[in-house]
Amino acid sequence: DTTAAYGISLITNSLTNGTHTLTATARDTSGNTTTSTSVTVTVSNSTP
């Protein structure tokens, strides 16, 4: 995502149920990167 405020939509039904870890990596115009601290989420997609 190259436009502030940065973000994406997470479509959980493409993931398995359970715990997942999310991070974000930022890159500046010189190519320098840094990775955020991780965030843990639990996916619980209901079964019809």
All heavy atoms as atom14 arrays in JSON, in Angstrom:
{
  "sequence": "DTTAAYGISLITNSLTNGTHTLTATARDTSGNTTTSTSVTVTVSNSTP",
  "atom14_mask": [
    [1, 1, 1, 1, 1, 1, 1, 1, 0, 0, 0, 0, 0, 0],
    [1, 1, 1, 1, 1, 1, 1, 0, 0, 0, 0, 0, 0, 0],
    [1, 1, 1, 1, 1, 1, 1, 0, 0, 0, 0, 0, 0, 0],
    [1, 1, 1, 1, 1, 0, 0, 0, 0, 0, 0, 0, 0, 0],
    [1, 1, 1, 1, 1, 0, 0, 0, 0, 0, 0, 0, 0, 0],
    [1, 1, 1, 1, 1, 1, 1, 1, 1, 1, 1, 1, 0, 0],
    [1, 1, 1, 1, 0, 0, 0, 0, 0, 0, 0, 0, 0, 0],
    [1, 1, 1, 1, 1, 1, 1, 1, 0, 0, 0, 0, 0, 0],
    [1, 1, 1, 1, 1, 1, 0, 0, 0, 0, 0, 0, 0, 0],
    [1, 1, 1, 1, 1, 1, 1, 1, 0, 0, 0, 0, 0, 0],
    [1, 1, 1, 1, 1, 1, 1, 1, 0, 0, 0, 0, 0, 0],
    [1, 1, 1, 1, 1, 1, 1, 0, 0, 0, 0, 0, 0, 0],
    [1, 1, 1, 1, 1, 1, 1, 1, 0, 0, 0, 0, 0, 0],
    [1, 1, 1, 1, 1, 1, 0, 0, 0, 0, 0, 0, 0, 0],
    [1, 1, 1, 1, 1, 1, 1, 1, 0, 0, 0, 0, 0, 0],
    [1, 1, 1, 1, 1, 1, 1, 0, 0, 0, 0, 0, 0, 0],
    [1, 1, 1, 1, 1, 1, 1, 1, 0, 0, 0, 0, 0, 0],
    [1, 1, 1, 1, 0, 0, 0, 0, 0, 0, 0, 0, 0, 0],
    [1, 1, 1, 1, 1, 1, 1, 0, 0, 0, 0, 0, 0, 0],
    [1, 1, 1, 1, 1, 1, 1, 1, 1, 1, 0, 0, 0, 0],
    [1, 1, 1, 1, 1, 1, 1, 0, 0, 0, 0, 0, 0, 0],
    [1, 1, 1, 1, 1, 1, 1, 1, 0, 0, 0, 0, 0, 0],
    [1, 1, 1, 1, 1, 1, 1, 0, 0, 0, 0, 0, 0, 0],
    [1, 1, 1, 1, 1, 0, 0, 0, 0, 0, 0, 0, 0, 0],
    [1, 1, 1, 1, 1, 1, 1, 0, 0, 0, 0, 0, 0, 0],
    [1, 1, 1, 1, 1, 0, 0, 0, 0, 0, 0, 0, 0, 0],
    [1, 1, 1, 1, 1, 1, 1, 1, 1, 1, 1, 0, 0, 0],
    [1, 1, 1, 1, 1, 1, 1, 1, 0, 0, 0, 0, 0, 0],
    [1, 1, 1, 1, 1, 1, 1, 0, 0, 0, 0, 0, 0, 0],
    [1, 1, 1, 1, 1, 1, 0, 0, 0, 0, 0, 0, 0, 0],
    [1, 1, 1, 1, 0, 0, 0, 0, 0, 0, 0, 0, 0, 0],
    [1, 1, 1, 1, 1, 1, 1, 1, 0, 0, 0, 0, 0, 0],
    [1, 1, 1, 1, 1, 1, 1, 0, 0, 0, 0, 0, 0, 0],
    [1, 1, 1, 1, 1, 1, 1, 0, 0, 0, 0, 0, 0, 0],
    [1, 1, 1, 1, 1, 1, 1, 0, 0, 0, 0, 0, 0, 0],
    [1, 1, 1, 1, 1, 1, 0, 0, 0, 0, 0, 0, 0, 0],
    [1, 1, 1, 1, 1, 1, 1, 0, 0, 0, 0, 0, 0, 0],
    [1, 1, 1, 1, 1, 1, 0, 0, 0, 0, 0, 0, 0, 0],
    [1, 1, 1, 1, 1, 1, 1, 0, 0, 0, 0, 0, 0, 0],
    [1, 1, 1, 1, 1, 1, 1, 0, 0, 0, 0, 0, 0, 0],
    [1, 1, 1, 1, 1, 1, 1, 0, 0, 0, 0, 0, 0, 0],
    [1, 1, 1, 1, 1, 1, 1, 0, 0, 0, 0, 0, 0, 0],
    [1, 1, 1, 1, 1, 1, 1, 0, 0, 0, 0, 0, 0, 0],
    [1, 1, 1, 1, 1, 1, 0, 0, 0, 0, 0, 0, 0, 0],
    [1, 1, 1, 1, 1, 1, 1, 1, 0, 0, 0, 0, 0, 0],
    [1, 1, 1, 1, 1, 1, 0, 0, 0, 0, 0, 0, 0, 0],
    [1, 1, 1, 1, 1, 1, 1, 0, 0, 0, 0, 0, 0, 0],
    [1, 1, 1, 1, 1, 1, 1, 0, 0, 0, 0, 0, 0, 0]
  ],
  "atom14_positions": [
    [[0.87, -1.16, 0.0], [0.0, 0.0, 0.0], [0.9, 1.22, 0.0], [1.7, 1.41, 0.91], [-0.91, -0.02, 1.24], [-1.92, 1.11, 1.24], [-1.89, 1.98, 0.34], [-2.77, 1.13, 2.16], [0.0, 0.0, 0.0], [0.0, 0.0, 0.0], [0.0, 0.0, 0.0], [0.0, 0.0, 0.0], [0.0, 0.0, 0.0], [0.0, 0.0, 0.0]],
    [[0.79, 2.06, -1.01], [1.68, 3.22, -1.15], [0.98, 4.53, -0.82], [1.52, 5.59, -1.07], [2.24, 3.28, -2.59], [1.15, 3.37, -3.51], [3.09, 2.07, -2.89], [0.0, 0.0, 0.0], [0.0, 0.0, 0.0], [0.0, 0.0, 0.0], [0.0, 0.0, 0.0], [0.0, 0.0, 0.0], [0.0, 0.0, 0.0], [0.0, 0.0, 0.0]],
    [[-0.22, 4.47, -0.24], [-0.98, 5.67, 0.08], [-1.28, 5.7, 1.57], [-1.78, 4.73, 2.13], [-2.31, 5.68, -0.71], [-2.04, 5.49, -2.09], [-3.05, 6.99, -0.52], [0.0, 0.0, 0.0], [0.0, 0.0, 0.0], [0.0, 0.0, 0.0], [0.0, 0.0, 0.0], [0.0, 0.0, 0.0], [0.0, 0.0, 0.0], [0.0, 0.0, 0.0]],
    [[-0.96, 6.86, 2.22], [-1.28, 7.01, 3.65], [-2.8, 7.17, 3.76], [-3.42, 7.71, 2.88], [-0.56, 8.21, 4.24], [0.0, 0.0, 0.0], [0.0, 0.0, 0.0], [0.0, 0.0, 0.0], [0.0, 0.0, 0.0], [0.0, 0.0, 0.0], [0.0, 0.0, 0.0], [0.0, 0.0, 0.0], [0.0, 0.0, 0.0], [0.0, 0.0, 0.0]],
    [[-3.44, 6.77, 4.74], [-3.17, 5.9, 5.86], [-3.08, 4.48, 5.33], [-3.96, 4.02, 4.62], [-4.27, 6.01, 6.9], [0.0, 0.0, 0.0], [0.0, 0.0, 0.0], [0.0, 0.0, 0.0], [0.0, 0.0, 0.0], [0.0, 0.0, 0.0], [0.0, 0.0, 0.0], [0.0, 0.0, 0.0], [0.0, 0.0, 0.0], [0.0, 0.0, 0.0]],
    [[-2.02, 3.8, 5.69], [-1.68, 2.51, 5.13], [-2.51, 1.4, 5.75], [-2.73, 1.37, 6.95], [-0.19, 2.24, 5.32], [0.67, 3.36, 4.77], [1.22, 4.33, 5.6], [0.89, 3.46, 3.4], [1.98, 5.36, 5.09], [1.65, 4.49, 2.87], [2.19, 5.44, 3.72], [2.94, 6.46, 3.21], [0.0, 0.0, 0.0], [0.0, 0.0, 0.0]],
    [[-2.96, 0.47, 4.94], [-3.74, -0.65, 5.45], [-4.23, -1.53, 4.32], [-4.22, -1.16, 3.15], [0.0, 0.0, 0.0], [0.0, 0.0, 0.0], [0.0, 0.0, 0.0], [0.0, 0.0, 0.0], [0.0, 0.0, 0.0], [0.0, 0.0, 0.0], [0.0, 0.0, 0.0], [0.0, 0.0, 0.0], [0.0, 0.0, 0.0], [0.0, 0.0, 0.0]],
    [[-4.67, -2.71, 4.69], [-5.28, -3.65, 3.75], [-6.46, -4.33, 4.45], [-6.54, -4.31, 5.67], [-4.3, -4.73, 3.24], [-3.8, -5.61, 4.4], [-3.14, -4.13, 2.48], [-3.12, -6.88, 3.95], [0.0, 0.0, 0.0], [0.0, 0.0, 0.0], [0.0, 0.0, 0.0], [0.0, 0.0, 0.0], [0.0, 0.0, 0.0], [0.0, 0.0, 0.0]],
    [[-7.32, -4.91, 3.66], [-8.41, -5.72, 4.22], [-7.93, -7.16, 4.31], [-7.34, -7.68, 3.36], [-9.64, -5.65, 3.33], [-10.18, -4.36, 3.35], [0.0, 0.0, 0.0], [0.0, 0.0, 0.0], [0.0, 0.0, 0.0], [0.0, 0.0, 0.0], [0.0, 0.0, 0.0], [0.0, 0.0, 0.0], [0.0, 0.0, 0.0], [0.0, 0.0, 0.0]],
    [[-8.2, -7.77, 5.44], [-7.84, -9.17, 5.65], [-9.1, -10.01, 5.46], [-10.06, -9.88, 6.21], [-7.26, -9.38, 7.04], [-6.86, -10.8, 7.41], [-5.75, -11.3, 6.51], [-6.44, -10.85, 8.88], [0.0, 0.0, 0.0], [0.0, 0.0, 0.0], [0.0, 0.0, 0.0], [0.0, 0.0, 0.0], [0.0, 0.0, 0.0], [0.0, 0.0, 0.0]],
    [[-9.12, -10.85, 4.45], [-10.26, -11.72, 4.17], [-9.99, -13.04, 4.89], [-9.19, -13.86, 4.45], [-10.46, -11.92, 2.66], [-10.68, -10.55, 2.01], [-11.63, -12.86, 2.39], [-10.69, -10.58, 0.5], [0.0, 0.0, 0.0], [0.0, 0.0, 0.0], [0.0, 0.0, 0.0], [0.0, 0.0, 0.0], [0.0, 0.0, 0.0], [0.0, 0.0, 0.0]],
    [[-10.67, -13.22, 6.02], [-10.34, -14.34, 6.89], [-10.76, -15.69, 6.34], [-10.17, -16.7, 6.7], [-10.97, -14.16, 8.28], [-12.39, -14.14, 8.15], [-10.46, -12.89, 8.94], [0.0, 0.0, 0.0], [0.0, 0.0, 0.0], [0.0, 0.0, 0.0], [0.0, 0.0, 0.0], [0.0, 0.0, 0.0], [0.0, 0.0, 0.0], [0.0, 0.0, 0.0]],
    [[-11.76, -15.75, 5.45], [-12.14, -17.08, 4.98], [-11.14, -17.67, 4.0], [-11.29, -18.79, 3.56], [-13.59, -17.15, 4.46], [-13.99, -16.01, 3.58], [-13.36, -14.98, 3.59], [-15.06, -16.19, 2.86], [0.0, 0.0, 0.0], [0.0, 0.0, 0.0], [0.0, 0.0, 0.0], [0.0, 0.0, 0.0], [0.0, 0.0, 0.0], [0.0, 0.0, 0.0]],
    [[-10.08, -16.93, 3.69], [-8.98, -17.52, 2.93], [-7.92, -18.09, 3.86], [-6.93, -18.66, 3.42], [-8.35, -16.47, 2.0], [-7.75, -15.44, 2.77], [0.0, 0.0, 0.0], [0.0, 0.0, 0.0], [0.0, 0.0, 0.0], [0.0, 0.0, 0.0], [0.0, 0.0, 0.0], [0.0, 0.0, 0.0], [0.0, 0.0, 0.0], [0.0, 0.0, 0.0]],
    [[-8.12, -17.94, 5.18], [-7.19, -18.45, 6.19], [-7.83, -19.62, 6.93], [-9.05, -19.72, 7.02], [-6.85, -17.35, 7.2], [-6.21, -16.08, 6.65], [-6.1, -15.03, 7.74], [-4.84, -16.39, 6.06], [0.0, 0.0, 0.0], [0.0, 0.0, 0.0], [0.0, 0.0, 0.0], [0.0, 0.0, 0.0], [0.0, 0.0, 0.0], [0.0, 0.0, 0.0]],
    [[-6.99, -20.45, 7.51], [-7.49, -21.53, 8.36], [-7.91, -20.95, 9.7], [-7.39, -19.91, 10.13], [-6.41, -22.61, 8.58], [-5.27, -21.99, 9.18], [-6.02, -23.27, 7.28], [0.0, 0.0, 0.0], [0.0, 0.0, 0.0], [0.0, 0.0, 0.0], [0.0, 0.0, 0.0], [0.0, 0.0, 0.0], [0.0, 0.0, 0.0], [0.0, 0.0, 0.0]],
    [[-8.85, -21.61, 10.36], [-9.21, -21.21, 11.72], [-8.01, -21.43, 12.62], [-7.27, -22.39, 12.46], [-10.4, -22.02, 12.23], [-11.7, -21.61, 11.58], [-11.82, -20.52, 11.03], [-12.68, -22.48, 11.64], [0.0, 0.0, 0.0], [0.0, 0.0, 0.0], [0.0, 0.0, 0.0], [0.0, 0.0, 0.0], [0.0, 0.0, 0.0], [0.0, 0.0, 0.0]],
    [[-7.82, -20.51, 13.57], [-6.7, -20.63, 14.5], [-5.95, -19.33, 14.64], [-6.39, -18.28, 14.2], [0.0, 0.0, 0.0], [0.0, 0.0, 0.0], [0.0, 0.0, 0.0], [0.0, 0.0, 0.0], [0.0, 0.0, 0.0], [0.0, 0.0, 0.0], [0.0, 0.0, 0.0], [0.0, 0.0, 0.0], [0.0, 0.0, 0.0], [0.0, 0.0, 0.0]],
    [[-4.76, -19.41, 15.23], [-3.94, -18.24, 15.53], [-3.04, -17.91, 14.34], [-2.41, -18.8, 13.75], [-3.09, -18.5, 16.78], [-3.96, -18.84, 17.85], [-2.27, -17.29, 17.16], [0.0, 0.0, 0.0], [0.0, 0.0, 0.0], [0.0, 0.0, 0.0], [0.0, 0.0, 0.0], [0.0, 0.0, 0.0], [0.0, 0.0, 0.0], [0.0, 0.0, 0.0]],
    [[-2.97, -16.62, 14.02], [-2.11, -16.12, 12.94], [-1.38, -14.89, 13.45], [-1.9, -14.16, 14.29], [-2.93, -15.77, 11.69], [-3.62, -16.95, 11.09], [-3.03, -17.74, 10.15], [-4.86, -17.48, 11.31], [-3.86, -18.71, 9.8], [-4.98, -18.57, 10.5], [0.0, 0.0, 0.0], [0.0, 0.0, 0.0], [0.0, 0.0, 0.0], [0.0, 0.0, 0.0]],
    [[-0.17, -14.66, 12.93], [0.64, -13.52, 13.33], [0.74, -12.55, 12.15], [1.08, -12.96, 11.03], [2.05, -13.97, 13.76], [1.9, -14.93, 14.82], [2.89, -12.81, 14.23], [0.0, 0.0, 0.0], [0.0, 0.0, 0.0], [0.0, 0.0, 0.0], [0.0, 0.0, 0.0], [0.0, 0.0, 0.0], [0.0, 0.0, 0.0], [0.0, 0.0, 0.0]],
    [[0.45, -11.28, 12.42], [0.5, -10.24, 11.38], [1.63, -9.27, 11.69], [1.86, -8.91, 12.84], [-0.81, -9.46, 11.34], [-2.1, -10.25, 11.18], [-3.3, -9.32, 11.26], [-2.09, -11.0, 9.87], [0.0, 0.0, 0.0], [0.0, 0.0, 0.0], [0.0, 0.0, 0.0], [0.0, 0.0, 0.0], [0.0, 0.0, 0.0], [0.0, 0.0, 0.0]],
    [[2.33, -8.85, 10.63], [3.34, -7.79, 10.74], [3.18, -6.88, 9.53], [2.57, -7.25, 8.52], [4.77, -8.33, 10.76], [5.01, -9.06, 9.55], [5.04, -9.21, 11.98], [0.0, 0.0, 0.0], [0.0, 0.0, 0.0], [0.0, 0.0, 0.0], [0.0, 0.0, 0.0], [0.0, 0.0, 0.0], [0.0, 0.0, 0.0], [0.0, 0.0, 0.0]],
    [[3.75, -5.69, 9.63], [3.78, -4.75, 8.5], [5.23, -4.35, 8.27], [5.99, -4.17, 9.22], [2.93, -3.53, 8.81], [0.0, 0.0, 0.0], [0.0, 0.0, 0.0], [0.0, 0.0, 0.0], [0.0, 0.0, 0.0], [0.0, 0.0, 0.0], [0.0, 0.0, 0.0], [0.0, 0.0, 0.0], [0.0, 0.0, 0.0], [0.0, 0.0, 0.0]],
    [[5.6, -4.24, 7.02], [6.95, -3.8, 6.68], [6.84, -2.48, 5.93], [6.11, -2.37, 4.94], [7.65, -4.84, 5.79], [7.7, -6.09, 6.49], [9.07, -4.41, 5.44], [0.0, 0.0, 0.0], [0.0, 0.0, 0.0], [0.0, 0.0, 0.0], [0.0, 0.0, 0.0], [0.0, 0.0, 0.0], [0.0, 0.0, 0.0], [0.0, 0.0, 0.0]],
    [[7.58, -1.46, 6.44], [7.59, -0.14, 5.8], [8.87, 0.0, 4.98], [9.93, -0.5, 5.36], [7.52, 0.94, 6.86], [0.0, 0.0, 0.0], [0.0, 0.0, 0.0], [0.0, 0.0, 0.0], [0.0, 0.0, 0.0], [0.0, 0.0, 0.0], [0.0, 0.0, 0.0], [0.0, 0.0, 0.0], [0.0, 0.0, 0.0], [0.0, 0.0, 0.0]],
    [[8.75, 0.67, 3.82], [9.9, 0.9, 2.94], [9.91, 2.36, 2.54], [8.88, 2.91, 2.15], [9.78, 0.02, 1.7], [10.92, 0.18, 0.7], [10.75, -0.7, -0.52], [9.47, -0.51, -1.21], [9.22, 0.47, -2.07], [10.14, 1.37, -2.34], [8.03, 0.55, -2.66], [0.0, 0.0, 0.0], [0.0, 0.0, 0.0], [0.0, 0.0, 0.0]],
    [[11.09, 3.0, 2.68], [11.19, 4.39, 2.25], [11.66, 4.45, 0.8], [11.94, 3.41, 0.18], [12.08, 5.21, 3.19], [13.54, 4.79, 3.19], [13.98, 4.09, 2.25], [14.26, 5.16, 4.14], [0.0, 0.0, 0.0], [0.0, 0.0, 0.0], [0.0, 0.0, 0.0], [0.0, 0.0, 0.0], [0.0, 0.0, 0.0], [0.0, 0.0, 0.0]],
    [[11.75, 5.66, 0.25], [12.1, 5.81, -1.16], [13.54, 5.39, -1.46], [13.88, 5.14, -2.61], [11.9, 7.28, -1.61], [12.66, 8.14, -0.76], [10.43, 7.65, -1.59], [0.0, 0.0, 0.0], [0.0, 0.0, 0.0], [0.0, 0.0, 0.0], [0.0, 0.0, 0.0], [0.0, 0.0, 0.0], [0.0, 0.0, 0.0], [0.0, 0.0, 0.0]],
    [[14.38, 5.25, -0.44], [15.75, 4.78, -0.64], [15.84, 3.26, -0.56], [16.93, 2.7, -0.73], [16.67, 5.39, 0.41], [16.67, 6.81, 0.31], [0.0, 0.0, 0.0], [0.0, 0.0, 0.0], [0.0, 0.0, 0.0], [0.0, 0.0, 0.0], [0.0, 0.0, 0.0], [0.0, 0.0, 0.0], [0.0, 0.0, 0.0], [0.0, 0.0, 0.0]],
    [[14.73, 2.6, -0.22], [14.73, 1.15, -0.12], [14.99, 0.61, 1.27], [15.07, -0.6, 1.46], [0.0, 0.0, 0.0], [0.0, 0.0, 0.0], [0.0, 0.0, 0.0], [0.0, 0.0, 0.0], [0.0, 0.0, 0.0], [0.0, 0.0, 0.0], [0.0, 0.0, 0.0], [0.0, 0.0, 0.0], [0.0, 0.0, 0.0], [0.0, 0.0, 0.0]],
    [[15.13, 1.47, 2.25], [15.31, 1.03, 3.63], [13.98, 0.48, 4.15], [12.92, 1.04, 3.88], [15.77, 2.19, 4.52], [17.09, 2.77, 4.03], [18.05, 2.05, 3.82], [17.11, 4.09, 3.83], [0.0, 0.0, 0.0], [0.0, 0.0, 0.0], [0.0, 0.0, 0.0], [0.0, 0.0, 0.0], [0.0, 0.0, 0.0], [0.0, 0.0, 0.0]],
    [[14.06, -0.61, 4.91], [12.83, -1.23, 5.44], [12.94, -1.44, 6.94], [14.03, -1.55, 7.5], [12.57, -2.61, 4.79], [13.64, -3.48, 5.08], [12.38, -2.48, 3.29], [0.0, 0.0, 0.0], [0.0, 0.0, 0.0], [0.0, 0.0, 0.0], [0.0, 0.0, 0.0], [0.0, 0.0, 0.0], [0.0, 0.0, 0.0], [0.0, 0.0, 0.0]],
    [[11.77, -1.5, 7.56], [11.66, -1.88, 8.95], [10.34, -2.64, 9.13], [9.38, -2.36, 8.42], [11.74, -0.67, 9.9], [11.85, -1.12, 11.24], [10.55, 0.23, 9.76], [0.0, 0.0, 0.0], [0.0, 0.0, 0.0], [0.0, 0.0, 0.0], [0.0, 0.0, 0.0], [0.0, 0.0, 0.0], [0.0, 0.0, 0.0], [0.0, 0.0, 0.0]],
    [[10.34, -3.58, 10.04], [9.16, -4.43, 10.28], [8.58, -4.11, 11.65], [9.31, -3.96, 12.63], [9.53, -5.92, 10.19], [10.09, -6.18, 8.9], [8.32, -6.81, 10.4], [0.0, 0.0, 0.0], [0.0, 0.0, 0.0], [0.0, 0.0, 0.0], [0.0, 0.0, 0.0], [0.0, 0.0, 0.0], [0.0, 0.0, 0.0], [0.0, 0.0, 0.0]],
    [[7.26, -4.02, 11.68], [6.55, -3.71, 12.93], [6.65, -4.88, 13.89], [7.03, -5.99, 13.52], [5.08, -3.43, 12.64], [4.43, -4.63, 12.24], [0.0, 0.0, 0.0], [0.0, 0.0, 0.0], [0.0, 0.0, 0.0], [0.0, 0.0, 0.0], [0.0, 0.0, 0.0], [0.0, 0.0, 0.0], [0.0, 0.0, 0.0], [0.0, 0.0, 0.0]],
    [[6.28, -4.61, 15.14], [6.13, -5.72, 16.07], [4.92, -6.54, 15.62], [4.01, -6.03, 14.97], [5.92, -5.22, 17.52], [4.79, -4.36, 17.54], [7.14, -4.48, 18.02], [0.0, 0.0, 0.0], [0.0, 0.0, 0.0], [0.0, 0.0, 0.0], [0.0, 0.0, 0.0], [0.0, 0.0, 0.0], [0.0, 0.0, 0.0], [0.0, 0.0, 0.0]],
    [[4.93, -7.8, 15.96], [3.87, -8.69, 15.5], [2.6, -8.52, 16.34], [2.65, -8.13, 17.5], [4.34, -10.14, 15.54], [4.64, -10.52, 16.85], [0.0, 0.0, 0.0], [0.0, 0.0, 0.0], [0.0, 0.0, 0.0], [0.0, 0.0, 0.0], [0.0, 0.0, 0.0], [0.0, 0.0, 0.0], [0.0, 0.0, 0.0], [0.0, 0.0, 0.0]],
    [[1.5, -8.8, 15.69], [0.19, -8.8, 16.33], [-0.41, -10.18, 16.08], [-0.4, -10.68, 14.95], [-0.73, -7.71, 15.74], [-2.14, -7.81, 16.3], [-0.15, -6.34, 15.97], [0.0, 0.0, 0.0], [0.0, 0.0, 0.0], [0.0, 0.0, 0.0], [0.0, 0.0, 0.0], [0.0, 0.0, 0.0], [0.0, 0.0, 0.0], [0.0, 0.0, 0.0]],
    [[-0.93, -10.79, 17.13], [-1.54, -12.11, 17.0], [-3.06, -11.95, 16.91], [-3.66, -11.22, 17.7], [-1.18, -12.99, 18.21], [0.25, -13.11, 18.28], [-1.78, -14.38, 18.07], [0.0, 0.0, 0.0], [0.0, 0.0, 0.0], [0.0, 0.0, 0.0], [0.0, 0.0, 0.0], [0.0, 0.0, 0.0], [0.0, 0.0, 0.0], [0.0, 0.0, 0.0]],
    [[-3.66, -12.63, 15.92], [-5.11, -12.63, 15.77], [-5.58, -14.08, 15.73], [-4.84, -14.99, 15.33], [-5.57, -11.89, 14.5], [-5.21, -10.43, 14.55], [-5.01, -12.53, 13.25], [0.0, 0.0, 0.0], [0.0, 0.0, 0.0], [0.0, 0.0, 0.0], [0.0, 0.0, 0.0], [0.0, 0.0, 0.0], [0.0, 0.0, 0.0], [0.0, 0.0, 0.0]],
    [[-6.81, -14.3, 16.17], [-7.4, -15.63, 16.1], [-8.52, -15.58, 15.08], [-9.45, -14.76, 15.19], [-7.95, -16.07, 17.46], [-6.88, -16.06, 18.4], [-8.56, -17.45, 17.39], [0.0, 0.0, 0.0], [0.0, 0.0, 0.0], [0.0, 0.0, 0.0], [0.0, 0.0, 0.0], [0.0, 0.0, 0.0], [0.0, 0.0, 0.0], [0.0, 0.0, 0.0]],
    [[-8.43, -16.44, 14.08], [-9.45, -16.53, 13.04], [-10.41, -17.65, 13.42], [-10.01, -18.75, 13.76], [-8.8, -16.82, 11.67], [-9.86, -17.08, 10.61], [-7.89, -15.66, 11.26], [0.0, 0.0, 0.0], [0.0, 0.0, 0.0], [0.0, 0.0, 0.0], [0.0, 0.0, 0.0], [0.0, 0.0, 0.0], [0.0, 0.0, 0.0], [0.0, 0.0, 0.0]],
    [[-11.69, -17.3, 13.37], [-12.73, -18.29, 13.66], [-13.86, -18.11, 12.65], [-14.86, -17.45, 12.91], [-13.26, -18.1, 15.09], [-14.27, -19.05, 15.35], [0.0, 0.0, 0.0], [0.0, 0.0, 0.0], [0.0, 0.0, 0.0], [0.0, 0.0, 0.0], [0.0, 0.0, 0.0], [0.0, 0.0, 0.0], [0.0, 0.0, 0.0], [0.0, 0.0, 0.0]],
    [[-13.65, -18.67, 11.47], [-14.67, -18.61, 10.43], [-15.76, -19.62, 10.77], [-15.49, -20.77, 11.06], [-14.08, -18.95, 9.06], [-13.08, -17.91, 8.6], [-13.37, -16.73, 8.6], [-11.9, -18.36, 8.22], [0.0, 0.0, 0.0], [0.0, 0.0, 0.0], [0.0, 0.0, 0.0], [0.0, 0.0, 0.0], [0.0, 0.0, 0.0], [0.0, 0.0, 0.0]],
    [[-17.01, -19.17, 10.75], [-18.1, -20.09, 11.05], [-18.35, -20.99, 9.84], [-18.16, -20.59, 8.7], [-19.36, -19.34, 11.42], [-19.78, -18.53, 10.34], [0.0, 0.0, 0.0], [0.0, 0.0, 0.0], [0.0, 0.0, 0.0], [0.0, 0.0, 0.0], [0.0, 0.0, 0.0], [0.0, 0.0, 0.0], [0.0, 0.0, 0.0], [0.0, 0.0, 0.0]],
    [[-18.77, -22.19, 10.12], [-19.12, -23.14, 9.08], [-20.62, -23.08, 8.89], [-21.37, -23.18, 9.85], [-18.71, -24.57, 9.51], [-17.32, -24.56, 9.8], [-19.01, -25.57, 8.43], [0.0, 0.0, 0.0], [0.0, 0.0, 0.0], [0.0, 0.0, 0.0], [0.0, 0.0, 0.0], [0.0, 0.0, 0.0], [0.0, 0.0, 0.0], [0.0, 0.0, 0.0]],
    [[-21.07, -22.92, 7.65], [-22.51, -22.83, 7.45], [-23.21, -24.14, 7.83], [-22.67, -25.22, 7.65], [-22.66, -22.55, 5.95], [-21.33, -22.77, 5.33], [-20.32, -22.81, 6.42], [0.0, 0.0, 0.0], [0.0, 0.0, 0.0], [0.0, 0.0, 0.0], [0.0, 0.0, 0.0], [0.0, 0.0, 0.0], [0.0, 0.0, 0.0], [0.0, 0.0, 0.0]]
  ]
}
